[in-house]
C-alpha atoms as a PDB file:
ATOM      1  CA  MET A   1     112.914  32.173-163.203  1.00  0.00           C
ATOM      2  CA  GLU A   2     109.831  30.299-164.504  1.00  0.00           C
ATOM      3  CA  ARG A   3     110.587  27.478-161.685  1.00  0.00           C
ATOM      4  CA  PHE A   4     109.322  30.090-158.906  1.00  0.00           C
ATOM      5  CA  ARG A   5     107.099  31.894-161.329  1.00  0.00           C
ATOM      6  CA  ALA A   6     105.423  27.981-161.629  1.00  0.00           C
ATOM      7  CA  LEU A   7     105.767  27.031-157.687  1.00  0.00           C
ATOM      8  CA  VAL A   8     104.104  30.279-156.776  1.00  0.00           C
ATOM      9  CA  ARG A   9     101.473  29.608-158.570  1.00  0.00           C
ATOM     10  CA  ASP A  10     100.512  25.996-157.905  1.00  0.00           C
ATOM     11  CA  THR A  11     101.405  26.804-153.834  1.00  0.00           C
ATOM     12  CA  TRP A  12     100.311  31.208-153.583  1.00  0.00           C
ATOM     13  CA  TRP A  13      98.259  30.290-150.294  1.00  0.00           C
ATOM     14  CA  LEU A  14     100.425  28.129-148.817  1.00  0.00           C
ATOM     15  CA  TRP A  15     103.381  30.616-148.398  1.00  0.00           C
ATOM     16  CA  GLY A  16     100.602  32.585-147.525  1.00  0.00           C
ATOM     17  CA  VAL A  17      99.294  31.082-144.885  1.00  0.00           C
ATOM     18  CA  PHE A  18     103.225  30.539-143.800  1.00  0.00           C
ATOM     19  CA  PHE A  19     103.923  33.726-143.734  1.00  0.00           C
ATOM     20  CA  VAL A  20     100.788  35.508-141.902  1.00  0.00           C
ATOM     21  CA  GLY A  21     101.152  32.142-139.417  1.00  0.00           C
ATOM     22  CA  GLY A  22     104.860  33.453-139.031  1.00  0.00           C
ATOM     23  CA  THR A  23     104.045  36.943-138.702  1.00  0.00           C
ATOM     24  CA  LEU A  24     101.580  36.283-135.336  1.00  0.00           C
ATOM     25  CA  LEU A  25     103.734  33.545-133.644  1.00  0.00           C
ATOM     26  CA  SER A  26     106.497  36.194-134.140  1.00  0.00           C
ATOM     27  CA  VAL A  27     104.903  38.769-132.186  1.00  0.00           C
ATOM     28  CA  LEU A  28     103.902  36.189-128.959  1.00  0.00           C
ATOM     29  CA  ASP A  29     107.803  35.220-129.174  1.00  0.00           C
ATOM     30  CA  ARG A  30     111.070  36.183-130.905  1.00  0.00           C
ATOM     31  CA  VAL A  31     112.073  32.199-131.762  1.00  0.00           C
ATOM     32  CA  PHE A  32     108.766  32.641-134.566  1.00  0.00           C
ATOM     33  CA  LEU A  33     110.785  34.983-136.435  1.00  0.00           C
ATOM     34  CA  LEU A  34     113.449  31.565-137.852  1.00  0.00           C
ATOM     35  CA  THR A  35     110.300  30.717-139.853  1.00  0.00           C
ATOM     36  CA  PHE A  36     110.972  33.307-142.426  1.00  0.00           C
ATOM     37  CA  PRO A  37     114.138  31.885-143.353  1.00  0.00           C
ATOM     38  CA  ILE A  38     113.224  28.498-143.169  1.00  0.00           C
ATOM     39  CA  CYS A  39     110.051  29.393-145.415  1.00  0.00           C
ATOM     40  CA  ILE A  40     113.123  30.774-148.037  1.00  0.00           C
ATOM     41  CA  PHE A  41     114.918  27.785-147.963  1.00  0.00           C
ATOM     42  CA  THR A  42     111.983  25.447-148.673  1.00  0.00           C
ATOM     43  CA  PHE A  43     110.519  27.785-151.429  1.00  0.00           C
ATOM     44  CA  PHE A  44     113.891  27.644-153.730  1.00  0.00           C
ATOM     45  CA  TRP A  45     114.448  24.061-152.235  1.00  0.00           C
ATOM     46  CA  PHE A  46     110.907  23.259-153.413  1.00  0.00           C
ATOM     47  CA  ALA A  47     111.347  24.963-156.668  1.00  0.00           C
ATOM     48  CA  PHE A  48     114.474  23.631-157.781  1.00  0.00           C
ATOM     49  CA  VAL A  49     113.770  19.616-157.346  1.00  0.00           C
ATOM     50  CA  ARG A  50     109.695  19.962-158.638  1.00  0.00           C
ATOM     51  CA  TYR A  51     109.930  22.200-161.298  1.00  0.00           C
ATOM     52  CA  ASP A  52     112.160  22.518-164.371  1.00  0.00           C
ATOM     53  CA  ASP A  53     113.943  25.704-165.949  1.00  0.00           C
ATOM     54  CA  GLU A  54     110.499  26.003-167.977  1.00  0.00           C
ATOM     55  CA  GLY A  55     108.373  25.834-165.149  1.00  0.00           C
ATOM     56  CA  ASN A  56     107.082  22.301-165.742  1.00  0.00           C
ATOM     57  CA  PHE A  57     106.021  20.087-163.164  1.00  0.00           C
ATOM     58  CA  LYS A  58     108.714  17.043-162.814  1.00  0.00           C
ATOM     59  CA  GLY A  59     106.065  14.542-161.399  1.00  0.00           C
ATOM     60  CA  SER A  60     107.032  10.578-161.975  1.00  0.00           C
END
């Protein structure tokens, strides 16, 4: 759980941009609803790849 908190702490503004942008574009065309599952997958992938169990950055 700490890795997810660390990712949100570091990139909250980016997820906000994706959410607002996906919502606005979804009004224009329903294909942009695919933005949301893609963002969810990306969030979990980055959390597991970039942070350890304690929420520390794994950087090289």
